[in-house]
């Protein structure tokens, strides 16, 4: 349901560790200066740093006005066969896929949108899987892309699965840590029990900094040391906007799951699954079940939890290139 890399480096460490572990003497002064001059707005600084890296590789930001009202923010970079990257719940395109985007644009035309009600995107349509999927088709139509490869992680995997129900438009699909229609009510109850919540939206839509920490503890393999001001910035920047719509997206997935369960998987395009062996959100058993359901390969990454694209960006990039090629 979720994947976010803000203030998290490509391997999932917090920015302080990310900086100090590479050039300590050079970055300690920079870090302290940022604390003083920028009011500890390190999350925003990390975002700008990521954006500058993408600009340097030729990426451009765009805004698509949606037919139903609203807008879709997206990034495009590279040339070649189109590849659509769909982020997970709570994240954005850059927070989830930045490292992969930098490498994949050398080989493909990469399209990476912020889903509706995340980042700078929103829709006037109902907050559900259908609206999210239709915005993807609107984007591809606007770019005059008839056929595309799709990779989606977590909540984005549900969207990718839904898109593959149109196999004439999807060449190949990659689903990362997302069980599609096979996540049962029992699975949902077990997830809530593991996370210590009564309802899934209480986990995926934090209401304060402490709940942000709880979510990160359930998403990443290694525990994250997160100061209060960082957790507060993550909450303010990523979870407080469109809070009601985010809750409705979670609640509507029960009905959405039933809808995508009707898909004729026999006509699905070639599909690959990628899963962490230590995923606490959607355990590996869900991935194995989906692999059998789709008759597709599943790649299991050791010592990896739910935040696969942030924890194993190099491996994910290599797998995508091999599979699409």
Protein backbone atom coordinates (compact mmCIF):
# COMPACT_ATOMS: atom_id res chain seq x y z
CA UNK A 1 0.00 0.00 0.00
CA UNK A 2 2.87 2.31 0.69
CA UNK A 3 6.27 3.29 -0.45
CA UNK A 4 8.00 6.54 0.35
CA UNK A 5 11.60 7.61 0.07
CA UNK A 6 11.47 11.21 1.26
CA UNK A 7 14.46 12.01 3.48
CA UNK A 8 15.48 8.43 2.82
CA UNK A 9 18.42 7.63 0.62
CA UNK A 10 18.27 4.97 -2.05
CA UNK A 11 19.24 2.24 0.39
CA UNK A 12 16.73 3.37 3.01
CA UNK A 13 19.02 5.22 5.43
CA UNK A 14 18.17 8.65 6.81
CA UNK A 15 19.85 11.62 5.18
CA UNK A 16 22.31 12.25 8.00
CA UNK A 17 23.69 8.73 7.60
CA UNK A 18 23.49 9.12 3.82
CA UNK A 19 25.73 12.17 3.96
CA UNK A 20 28.08 11.34 6.79
CA UNK A 21 28.83 7.79 5.66
CA UNK A 22 30.24 9.13 2.40
CA UNK A 23 32.17 12.36 3.07
CA UNK A 24 31.83 13.17 6.79
CA UNK A 25 34.09 16.22 7.03
CA UNK A 26 32.58 17.86 3.98
CA UNK A 27 28.94 17.40 4.90
CA UNK A 28 28.84 17.98 8.67
CA UNK A 29 29.22 21.74 8.16
CA UNK A 30 26.64 21.66 5.37
CA UNK A 31 24.22 19.74 7.57
CA UNK A 32 24.60 22.16 10.48
CA UNK A 33 24.22 25.14 8.15
CA UNK A 34 21.00 23.70 6.78
CA UNK A 35 19.68 23.25 10.31
CA UNK A 36 20.35 26.88 11.16
CA UNK A 37 19.47 28.67 7.94
CA UNK A 38 16.56 26.59 6.71
CA UNK A 39 14.64 25.94 9.90
CA UNK A 40 15.47 22.23 9.75
CA UNK A 41 13.54 21.85 6.48
CA UNK A 42 15.72 18.92 5.46
CA UNK A 43 12.88 17.01 3.80
CA UNK A 44 12.40 19.85 1.33
CA UNK A 45 16.16 20.09 0.83
CA UNK A 46 16.32 16.37 -0.01
CA UNK A 47 13.44 16.78 -2.47
CA UNK A 48 15.22 19.64 -4.25
CA UNK A 49 18.42 17.61 -4.37
CA UNK A 50 16.57 14.68 -5.97
CA UNK A 51 14.84 16.95 -8.47
CA UNK A 52 18.15 18.56 -9.45
CA UNK A 53 19.61 15.11 -10.13
CA UNK A 54 16.70 14.29 -12.42
CA UNK A 55 16.94 17.62 -14.26
CA UNK A 56 20.64 16.92 -14.86
CA UNK A 57 19.71 13.63 -16.53
CA UNK A 58 17.25 15.33 -18.86
CA UNK A 59 14.00 14.77 -16.98
CA UNK A 60 11.24 17.36 -17.20
CA UNK A 61 8.20 18.00 -15.01
CA UNK A 62 4.76 18.43 -16.57
CA UNK A 63 1.18 19.02 -15.47
CA UNK A 64 -1.77 17.31 -17.19
CA UNK A 65 -5.22 18.82 -16.69
CA UNK A 66 -7.60 15.93 -16.01
CA UNK A 67 -10.91 15.58 -17.84
CA UNK A 68 -12.88 15.24 -14.61
CA UNK A 69 -11.12 18.23 -13.09
CA UNK A 70 -7.86 18.34 -11.22
CA UNK A 71 -4.32 17.82 -12.39
CA UNK A 72 -1.69 15.12 -12.72
CA UNK A 73 1.98 15.97 -12.09
CA UNK A 74 4.40 13.71 -13.96
CA UNK A 75 8.04 13.35 -14.98
CA UNK A 76 9.31 12.27 -18.40
CA UNK A 77 12.89 11.42 -19.28
CA UNK A 78 14.88 9.34 -21.72
CA UNK A 79 14.02 7.83 -25.08
CA UNK A 80 13.05 4.41 -26.31
CA UNK A 81 10.32 1.98 -25.36
CA UNK A 82 7.87 3.63 -22.92
CA UNK A 83 8.01 2.53 -19.28
CA UNK A 84 5.41 3.75 -16.77
CA UNK A 85 6.49 3.71 -13.10
CA UNK A 86 3.66 3.85 -10.54
CA UNK A 87 4.48 4.66 -6.93
CA UNK A 88 2.87 3.32 -3.76
CA UNK A 89 0.64 4.75 -1.08
CA UNK A 90 1.96 7.81 0.71
CA UNK A 91 4.81 8.44 -1.67
CA UNK A 92 5.47 10.32 -4.89
CA UNK A 93 7.15 9.34 -8.13
CA UNK A 94 10.52 10.79 -7.12
CA UNK A 95 10.42 9.62 -3.50
CA UNK A 96 9.73 6.07 -4.66
CA UNK A 97 11.58 5.69 -7.95
CA UNK A 98 14.37 8.32 -8.11
CA UNK A 99 17.34 5.96 -8.27
CA UNK A 100 15.60 3.70 -10.78
CA UNK A 101 14.55 6.71 -12.87
CA UNK A 102 18.13 7.95 -13.18
CA UNK A 103 19.35 4.65 -14.64
CA UNK A 104 16.30 3.52 -16.61
CA UNK A 105 16.14 6.75 -18.64
CA UNK A 106 19.34 5.59 -20.36
CA UNK A 107 17.34 2.80 -21.98
CA UNK A 108 13.64 3.78 -22.01
CA UNK A 109 11.25 6.68 -22.19
CA UNK A 110 10.37 6.77 -18.48
CA UNK A 111 7.04 8.25 -17.38
CA UNK A 112 6.67 8.66 -13.62
CA UNK A 113 3.48 10.37 -12.35
CA UNK A 114 2.39 11.44 -8.90
CA UNK A 115 -0.88 9.61 -8.34
CA UNK A 116 -4.03 11.61 -7.64
CA UNK A 117 -4.06 13.02 -4.08
CA UNK A 118 -0.30 12.57 -3.72
CA UNK A 119 2.35 15.18 -4.34
CA UNK A 120 0.95 17.90 -6.57
CA UNK A 121 -1.71 15.70 -8.18
CA UNK A 122 -5.42 15.56 -7.40
CA UNK A 123 -8.66 14.61 -9.13
CA UNK A 124 -12.26 15.70 -8.82
CA UNK A 125 -13.30 12.09 -9.39
CA UNK A 126 -14.11 9.63 -6.60
CA UNK A 127 -11.06 8.44 -4.63
CA UNK A 128 -10.77 4.85 -5.81
CA UNK A 129 -8.75 2.51 -7.99
CA UNK A 130 -10.83 3.24 -11.08
CA UNK A 131 -10.09 6.96 -10.93
CA UNK A 132 -6.39 6.30 -10.42
CA UNK A 133 -6.28 3.91 -13.37
CA UNK A 134 -8.19 6.27 -15.64
CA UNK A 135 -5.73 9.07 -14.90
CA UNK A 136 -2.95 6.77 -16.13
CA UNK A 137 -4.80 6.19 -19.40
CA UNK A 138 -5.40 9.93 -19.74
CA UNK A 139 -1.69 10.52 -19.29
CA UNK A 140 -0.67 7.92 -21.87
CA UNK A 141 -3.26 9.22 -24.33
CA UNK A 142 -1.99 12.77 -23.87
CA UNK A 143 1.53 11.53 -24.63
CA UNK A 144 0.18 9.58 -27.63
CA UNK A 145 1.53 6.32 -26.21
CA UNK A 146 -0.51 3.36 -27.39
CA UNK A 147 1.50 0.55 -25.78
CA UNK A 148 3.53 0.72 -22.60
CA UNK A 149 5.43 -1.37 -20.08
CA UNK A 150 4.13 -0.86 -16.54
CA UNK A 151 5.77 -1.32 -13.15
CA UNK A 152 3.87 -0.62 -9.94
CA UNK A 153 4.80 -1.06 -6.30
CA UNK A 154 2.38 -1.67 -3.43
CA UNK A 155 -0.75 0.46 -4.08
CA UNK A 156 0.74 1.18 -7.50
CA UNK A 157 0.76 -2.56 -8.09
CA UNK A 158 -3.03 -2.60 -7.82
CA UNK A 159 -3.14 0.07 -10.52
CA UNK A 160 -0.71 -1.87 -12.71
CA UNK A 161 -2.84 -5.00 -12.27
CA UNK A 162 -5.93 -3.03 -13.26
CA UNK A 163 -4.17 -1.65 -16.34
CA UNK A 164 -3.14 -5.15 -17.42
CA UNK A 165 -6.81 -5.92 -17.86
CA UNK A 166 -6.26 -4.08 -21.17
CA UNK A 167 -3.53 -6.37 -22.58
CA UNK A 168 -3.72 -4.67 -25.97
CA UNK A 169 -2.15 -1.58 -24.36
CA UNK A 170 0.32 -3.12 -21.89
CA UNK A 171 3.35 -4.92 -23.32
CA UNK A 172 4.74 -6.25 -20.03
CA UNK A 173 3.80 -5.76 -16.40
CA UNK A 174 5.89 -5.77 -13.21
CA UNK A 175 4.14 -5.95 -9.86
CA UNK A 176 6.24 -5.23 -6.78
CA UNK A 177 5.00 -6.15 -3.30
CA UNK A 178 1.32 -5.96 -4.22
CA UNK A 179 -1.10 -8.91 -3.93
CA UNK A 180 -3.83 -7.65 -6.26
CA UNK A 181 -7.19 -9.39 -5.81
CA UNK A 182 -5.82 -12.16 -3.59
CA UNK A 183 -5.47 -10.09 -0.41
CA UNK A 184 -8.34 -11.54 1.60
CA UNK A 185 -10.26 -10.17 4.58
CA UNK A 186 -8.25 -12.55 6.75
CA UNK A 187 -5.01 -11.15 5.35
CA UNK A 188 -6.26 -7.65 6.12
CA UNK A 189 -7.08 -8.61 9.71
CA UNK A 190 -3.62 -10.12 10.13
CA UNK A 191 -2.01 -6.95 8.75
CA UNK A 192 -3.88 -4.78 11.25
CA UNK A 193 -2.91 -7.14 14.06
CA UNK A 194 0.78 -6.99 13.12
CA UNK A 195 0.69 -3.20 12.96
CA UNK A 196 -1.36 -2.77 16.14
CA UNK A 197 -4.24 -0.88 14.49
CA UNK A 198 -7.95 -1.52 14.17
CA UNK A 199 -8.33 -0.32 10.59
CA UNK A 200 -5.80 -0.23 7.72
CA UNK A 201 -6.24 3.50 7.16
CA UNK A 202 -4.92 4.06 10.69
CA UNK A 203 -1.61 2.60 9.53
CA UNK A 204 -1.39 4.05 6.01
CA UNK A 205 -2.71 7.54 6.73
CA UNK A 206 -0.76 8.76 9.79
CA UNK A 207 -2.17 11.66 11.78
CA UNK A 208 1.01 12.63 13.66
CA UNK A 209 4.75 12.08 13.75
CA UNK A 210 4.56 9.03 16.00
CA UNK A 211 2.26 7.29 13.53
CA UNK A 212 4.71 8.15 10.75
CA UNK A 213 7.37 6.25 12.69
CA UNK A 214 5.00 3.30 13.12
CA UNK A 215 4.41 3.19 9.39
CA UNK A 216 8.14 3.30 8.60
CA UNK A 217 8.76 0.51 11.11
CA UNK A 218 6.34 -1.67 9.17
CA UNK A 219 7.67 -0.71 5.73
CA UNK A 220 11.46 -0.97 5.97
CA UNK A 221 13.72 -3.88 6.84
CA UNK A 222 16.12 -1.87 8.98
CA UNK A 223 14.76 0.37 11.77
CA UNK A 224 14.92 4.08 10.99
CA UNK A 225 16.22 6.61 13.48
CA UNK A 226 13.96 9.60 12.88
CA UNK A 227 14.13 12.87 14.85
CA UNK A 228 10.84 14.53 15.73
CA UNK A 229 11.32 17.43 13.32
CA UNK A 230 11.91 15.01 10.43
CA UNK A 231 8.83 12.93 11.26
CA UNK A 232 6.79 16.13 11.51
CA UNK A 233 8.03 17.33 8.11
CA UNK A 234 7.19 13.99 6.51
CA UNK A 235 3.71 14.11 8.00
CA UNK A 236 3.10 17.70 6.92
CA UNK A 237 4.44 17.24 3.43
CA UNK A 238 3.16 13.79 2.53
CA UNK A 239 0.19 12.81 4.67
CA UNK A 240 -1.74 15.86 5.87
CA UNK A 241 -2.77 17.05 2.34
CA UNK A 242 -5.88 15.27 0.98
CA UNK A 243 -6.12 13.23 4.16
CA UNK A 244 -9.79 12.36 3.67
CA UNK A 245 -9.23 11.26 0.07
CA UNK A 246 -6.32 9.07 1.15
CA UNK A 247 -8.53 7.38 3.75
CA UNK A 248 -11.21 6.77 1.12
CA UNK A 249 -8.63 5.23 -1.22
CA UNK A 250 -7.80 2.67 1.46
CA UNK A 251 -11.43 2.00 2.34
CA UNK A 252 -12.49 1.58 -1.30
CA UNK A 253 -9.86 -1.08 -1.98
CA UNK A 254 -12.18 -3.79 -0.65
CA UNK A 255 -14.62 -3.16 -3.50
CA UNK A 256 -11.77 -2.54 -5.94
CA UNK A 257 -10.29 -5.92 -5.03
CA UNK A 258 -13.55 -7.63 -5.97
CA UNK A 259 -13.62 -5.81 -9.31
CA UNK A 260 -10.11 -6.74 -10.39
CA UNK A 261 -10.71 -10.32 -9.25
CA UNK A 262 -13.00 -10.65 -12.28
CA UNK A 263 -10.10 -10.18 -14.68
CA UNK A 264 -9.33 -12.90 -17.21
CA UNK A 265 -5.69 -13.46 -16.31
CA UNK A 266 -5.28 -15.85 -19.25
CA UNK A 267 -5.00 -12.83 -21.55
CA UNK A 268 -2.70 -10.81 -19.29
CA UNK A 269 0.59 -9.64 -20.79
CA UNK A 270 3.84 -11.26 -19.59
CA UNK A 271 4.20 -10.45 -15.90
CA UNK A 272 6.99 -10.55 -13.34
CA UNK A 273 6.63 -10.19 -9.56
CA UNK A 274 9.28 -8.79 -7.20
CA UNK A 275 8.95 -9.30 -3.45
CA UNK A 276 10.93 -8.83 -0.26
CA UNK A 277 11.33 -11.91 1.89
CA UNK A 278 10.60 -9.87 5.05
CA UNK A 279 7.57 -7.87 3.89
CA UNK A 280 5.31 -7.15 6.88
CA UNK A 281 2.67 -5.30 4.85
CA UNK A 282 2.02 -7.98 2.23
CA UNK A 283 3.94 -11.08 3.35
CA UNK A 284 5.76 -13.25 0.83
CA UNK A 285 3.00 -15.85 0.94
CA UNK A 286 0.78 -13.29 -0.82
CA UNK A 287 3.37 -12.93 -3.56
CA UNK A 288 3.67 -16.68 -4.04
CA UNK A 289 -0.11 -16.98 -4.28
CA UNK A 290 -0.27 -14.21 -6.89
CA UNK A 291 2.57 -15.82 -8.82
CA UNK A 292 0.59 -19.04 -9.02
CA UNK A 293 -2.60 -17.16 -9.89
CA UNK A 294 -0.90 -15.37 -12.79
CA UNK A 295 1.43 -18.24 -13.70
CA UNK A 296 4.28 -15.77 -13.55
CA UNK A 297 7.81 -15.67 -12.18
CA UNK A 298 8.45 -14.17 -8.76
CA UNK A 299 11.84 -12.77 -7.73
CA UNK A 300 12.38 -12.81 -3.96
CA UNK A 301 14.91 -10.35 -2.53
CA UNK A 302 16.58 -11.36 0.76
CA UNK A 303 16.70 -9.03 3.76
CA UNK A 304 14.16 -6.77 2.09
CA UNK A 305 10.82 -5.61 3.44
CA UNK A 306 7.99 -3.70 1.76
CA UNK A 307 9.96 -0.66 0.57
CA UNK A 308 11.59 -2.62 -2.23
CA UNK A 309 12.39 0.25 -4.61
CA UNK A 310 14.05 2.27 -1.86
CA UNK A 311 15.82 -0.67 -0.26
CA UNK A 312 17.05 -2.42 -3.42
CA UNK A 313 17.10 0.17 -6.25
CA UNK A 314 20.01 -1.33 -8.17
CA UNK A 315 18.50 -4.82 -8.12
CA UNK A 316 15.07 -3.53 -9.12
CA UNK A 317 16.61 -1.58 -12.00
CA UNK A 318 18.50 -4.62 -13.28
CA UNK A 319 15.41 -6.82 -13.04
CA UNK A 320 13.29 -4.32 -14.94
CA UNK A 321 15.86 -4.01 -17.74
CA UNK A 322 16.24 -7.79 -18.05
CA UNK A 323 12.52 -8.47 -18.05
CA UNK A 324 11.52 -5.70 -20.45
CA UNK A 325 14.38 -6.51 -22.81
